[in-house]
């Protein structure tokens, strides 16, 4: 995951160097790119319900009008939850007494639309993302591991802003979001039906 983060940050830096400059605070008024650190808070998640900052978000769009942009996105996140020692029924007459580590990895991607209220240095906006979500649910216990890999539909409304404090330069991005995905899993006695999350993003705006 660290290698993926480094690759995307390097790609974003190369993209910034290649975008033509204008006299405005924003590098280009027709396009935008955001690279963010992401903090994710699961809501009533039965498999892994602990908040985590192990995620990043990448998105970009083209303004088809001064206010409306369309584009694409991808983000990834990992949520971990430790469960103390307990007896686990393995089926039949088998059981094991051990602690567990639950790990949920999600990778949504798709299309987006954004409406910005002001075309200026400070650009508040509302947006919607739609697409697919790949998820891995992993349960580690003793020397064993159970894993399910599933796909689902993804939807995510958000509010936020891009802020460009310097002329012809990189700016800052902040967003709050709610996400819903239809991914499901059933591992041992843990059943997960749909994924609901609230989160925050903070990063760079190009």
Protein backbone atom coordinates (compact mmCIF):
# COMPACT_ATOMS: atom_id res chain seq x y z
CA UNK A 1 0.00 0.00 0.00
CA UNK A 2 2.87 2.40 0.79
CA UNK A 3 4.30 1.71 -2.68
CA UNK A 4 0.93 2.55 -4.27
CA UNK A 5 0.76 5.83 -2.33
CA UNK A 6 4.26 6.83 -3.48
CA UNK A 7 3.46 6.05 -7.11
CA UNK A 8 0.29 8.13 -7.12
CA UNK A 9 1.98 11.07 -5.37
CA UNK A 10 4.77 10.98 -7.96
CA UNK A 11 2.21 10.86 -10.77
CA UNK A 12 0.35 13.83 -9.30
CA UNK A 13 3.59 15.82 -9.08
CA UNK A 14 4.42 15.05 -12.71
CA UNK A 15 0.92 16.09 -13.74
CA UNK A 16 1.30 19.40 -11.91
CA UNK A 17 4.53 20.18 -13.75
CA UNK A 18 2.87 19.47 -17.08
CA UNK A 19 -0.21 21.71 -16.66
CA UNK A 20 0.08 25.09 -18.41
CA UNK A 21 0.12 28.18 -16.22
CA UNK A 22 -2.39 31.05 -16.29
CA UNK A 23 -2.68 34.39 -14.51
CA UNK A 24 -5.29 32.98 -12.11
CA UNK A 25 -4.64 31.50 -8.67
CA UNK A 26 -5.73 28.10 -9.96
CA UNK A 27 -3.33 26.48 -12.44
CA UNK A 28 -6.16 25.71 -14.90
CA UNK A 29 -9.75 26.95 -14.68
CA UNK A 30 -11.00 24.19 -17.02
CA UNK A 31 -9.75 21.21 -15.00
CA UNK A 32 -9.06 20.18 -11.42
CA UNK A 33 -7.18 17.34 -9.72
CA UNK A 34 -7.26 16.34 -6.04
CA UNK A 35 -4.87 14.02 -4.19
CA UNK A 36 -6.00 13.43 -0.60
CA UNK A 37 -5.27 11.66 2.64
CA UNK A 38 -8.51 10.05 3.81
CA UNK A 39 -9.95 9.35 7.29
CA UNK A 40 -12.80 6.83 7.29
CA UNK A 41 -15.38 6.12 10.03
CA UNK A 42 -17.53 2.98 9.53
CA UNK A 43 -21.19 3.25 10.57
CA UNK A 44 -22.70 0.10 12.15
CA UNK A 45 -20.18 -2.15 10.44
CA UNK A 46 -20.35 -5.62 12.00
CA UNK A 47 -17.06 -6.86 10.55
CA UNK A 48 -14.66 -3.96 11.15
CA UNK A 49 -16.08 -0.93 12.95
CA UNK A 50 -12.97 1.05 13.92
CA UNK A 51 -12.12 4.43 12.35
CA UNK A 52 -8.93 4.55 10.31
CA UNK A 53 -6.64 6.97 8.51
CA UNK A 54 -5.17 4.30 6.20
CA UNK A 55 -6.53 5.62 2.92
CA UNK A 56 -6.06 7.95 -0.03
CA UNK A 57 -8.28 9.54 -2.68
CA UNK A 58 -7.49 10.50 -6.29
CA UNK A 59 -9.86 12.35 -8.59
CA UNK A 60 -9.99 14.74 -11.49
CA UNK A 61 -12.55 16.54 -13.57
CA UNK A 62 -13.20 18.85 -16.50
CA UNK A 63 -15.51 21.86 -16.21
CA UNK A 64 -18.08 21.58 -18.99
CA UNK A 65 -19.41 24.94 -17.77
CA UNK A 66 -17.98 27.51 -15.33
CA UNK A 67 -19.77 25.71 -12.44
CA UNK A 68 -20.20 22.03 -13.41
CA UNK A 69 -17.39 19.48 -13.72
CA UNK A 70 -17.49 15.81 -14.69
CA UNK A 71 -14.68 13.34 -14.26
CA UNK A 72 -13.45 10.19 -12.55
CA UNK A 73 -12.22 9.03 -9.16
CA UNK A 74 -10.53 6.20 -7.30
CA UNK A 75 -9.77 5.77 -3.63
CA UNK A 76 -8.71 2.99 -1.30
CA UNK A 77 -9.00 2.40 2.41
CA UNK A 78 -8.19 -0.20 5.07
CA UNK A 79 -10.06 -0.53 8.38
CA UNK A 80 -8.72 -2.89 11.06
CA UNK A 81 -10.35 -4.13 14.25
CA UNK A 82 -8.77 -6.30 16.94
CA UNK A 83 -11.03 -8.78 18.76
CA UNK A 84 -9.88 -10.18 22.09
CA UNK A 85 -9.60 -13.91 22.79
CA UNK A 86 -12.84 -15.86 22.47
CA UNK A 87 -14.11 -19.28 21.41
CA UNK A 88 -14.81 -19.58 17.67
CA UNK A 89 -17.03 -22.34 16.31
CA UNK A 90 -15.39 -23.82 13.20
CA UNK A 91 -18.36 -26.02 12.32
CA UNK A 92 -19.33 -29.51 13.34
CA UNK A 93 -17.68 -30.36 16.65
CA UNK A 94 -14.63 -28.15 16.07
CA UNK A 95 -13.85 -24.92 17.89
CA UNK A 96 -10.81 -22.79 18.66
CA UNK A 97 -10.10 -20.24 21.39
CA UNK A 98 -8.05 -17.33 20.07
CA UNK A 99 -7.97 -13.61 19.40
CA UNK A 100 -8.68 -12.20 15.93
CA UNK A 101 -7.73 -9.38 13.59
CA UNK A 102 -10.41 -8.22 11.16
CA UNK A 103 -9.29 -6.26 8.10
CA UNK A 104 -11.56 -4.61 5.54
CA UNK A 105 -10.00 -3.20 2.37
CA UNK A 106 -12.15 -1.23 -0.09
CA UNK A 107 -11.30 0.12 -3.55
CA UNK A 108 -14.14 2.15 -5.13
CA UNK A 109 -13.79 3.84 -8.52
CA UNK A 110 -16.07 5.40 -11.11
CA UNK A 111 -17.44 8.70 -12.39
CA UNK A 112 -18.21 11.96 -10.62
CA UNK A 113 -20.01 15.27 -11.01
CA UNK A 114 -19.19 18.45 -9.09
CA UNK A 115 -20.91 21.83 -8.79
CA UNK A 116 -18.78 24.72 -7.51
CA UNK A 117 -20.55 27.76 -6.14
CA UNK A 118 -17.73 30.29 -6.74
CA UNK A 119 -15.08 30.46 -9.46
CA UNK A 120 -12.42 32.16 -7.34
CA UNK A 121 -9.46 31.42 -5.06
CA UNK A 122 -11.89 29.78 -2.60
CA UNK A 123 -14.21 27.31 -4.36
CA UNK A 124 -16.85 25.56 -2.20
CA UNK A 125 -18.68 22.74 -3.95
CA UNK A 126 -21.06 19.78 -3.69
CA UNK A 127 -20.40 16.55 -5.53
CA UNK A 128 -21.59 13.02 -6.22
CA UNK A 129 -19.56 9.90 -7.05
CA UNK A 130 -21.01 6.71 -8.57
CA UNK A 131 -19.26 3.50 -9.54
CA UNK A 132 -18.11 0.05 -8.49
CA UNK A 133 -16.48 -1.05 -5.24
CA UNK A 134 -14.06 -3.93 -4.81
CA UNK A 135 -13.75 -5.14 -1.20
CA UNK A 136 -11.69 -7.72 0.68
CA UNK A 137 -12.82 -8.95 4.10
CA UNK A 138 -10.06 -10.83 5.97
CA UNK A 139 -10.21 -12.58 9.34
CA UNK A 140 -6.85 -13.54 10.87
CA UNK A 141 -6.89 -15.93 13.86
CA UNK A 142 -4.12 -18.12 15.29
CA UNK A 143 -2.31 -19.42 12.15
CA UNK A 144 -5.44 -19.29 9.98
CA UNK A 145 -7.02 -16.72 7.71
CA UNK A 146 -10.45 -16.52 6.07
CA UNK A 147 -11.01 -14.04 3.23
CA UNK A 148 -13.84 -13.02 0.93
CA UNK A 149 -13.43 -10.85 -2.18
CA UNK A 150 -16.63 -9.22 -3.39
CA UNK A 151 -17.87 -6.48 -5.73
CA UNK A 152 -20.66 -3.98 -5.16
CA UNK A 153 -22.24 -0.73 -6.30
CA UNK A 154 -20.82 2.48 -4.80
CA UNK A 155 -22.42 5.90 -4.15
CA UNK A 156 -20.86 8.86 -2.36
CA UNK A 157 -22.16 12.43 -1.91
CA UNK A 158 -19.73 15.00 -0.52
CA UNK A 159 -19.26 18.68 0.30
CA UNK A 160 -15.95 20.50 0.36
CA UNK A 161 -13.77 23.21 -1.10
CA UNK A 162 -10.63 23.86 -3.10
CA UNK A 163 -8.52 26.80 -1.89
CA UNK A 164 -5.74 28.38 -3.97
CA UNK A 165 -3.80 30.87 -1.78
CA UNK A 166 -1.05 31.53 -4.35
CA UNK A 167 -1.12 32.52 -8.02
CA UNK A 168 -0.44 29.81 -10.61
CA UNK A 169 0.29 27.23 -7.94
CA UNK A 170 -0.97 24.19 -6.09
CA UNK A 171 -3.80 24.68 -3.59
CA UNK A 172 -5.54 22.74 -0.82
CA UNK A 173 -8.59 20.49 -0.81
CA UNK A 174 -10.93 19.57 2.06
CA UNK A 175 -14.07 17.42 1.91
CA UNK A 176 -16.60 15.60 4.10
CA UNK A 177 -18.37 12.59 2.62
CA UNK A 178 -20.85 9.80 3.22
CA UNK A 179 -20.38 6.57 1.26
CA UNK A 180 -22.64 3.59 0.66
CA UNK A 181 -21.65 0.31 -1.01
CA UNK A 182 -23.62 -2.90 -1.56
CA UNK A 183 -20.70 -5.26 -0.78
CA UNK A 184 -21.64 -8.19 1.45
CA UNK A 185 -19.71 -10.93 3.22
CA UNK A 186 -20.28 -13.86 5.57
CA UNK A 187 -17.18 -15.10 7.39
CA UNK A 188 -17.71 -17.56 10.22
CA UNK A 189 -20.28 -15.91 12.54
CA UNK A 190 -19.73 -12.40 11.10
CA UNK A 191 -22.22 -11.20 8.51
CA UNK A 192 -21.82 -7.87 6.75
CA UNK A 193 -24.61 -6.47 4.60
CA UNK A 194 -23.75 -3.19 2.82
CA UNK A 195 -21.06 -0.71 3.86
CA UNK A 196 -21.85 2.71 5.32
CA UNK A 197 -19.10 5.20 6.11
CA UNK A 198 -18.55 8.83 7.03
CA UNK A 199 -15.22 10.40 6.29
CA UNK A 200 -12.92 13.40 5.87
CA UNK A 201 -10.36 14.19 3.18
CA UNK A 202 -7.53 16.70 3.22
CA UNK A 203 -4.98 17.09 0.46
CA UNK A 204 -3.74 19.01 -2.55
CA UNK A 205 -5.68 20.72 -5.32
CA UNK A 206 -4.19 21.19 -8.79
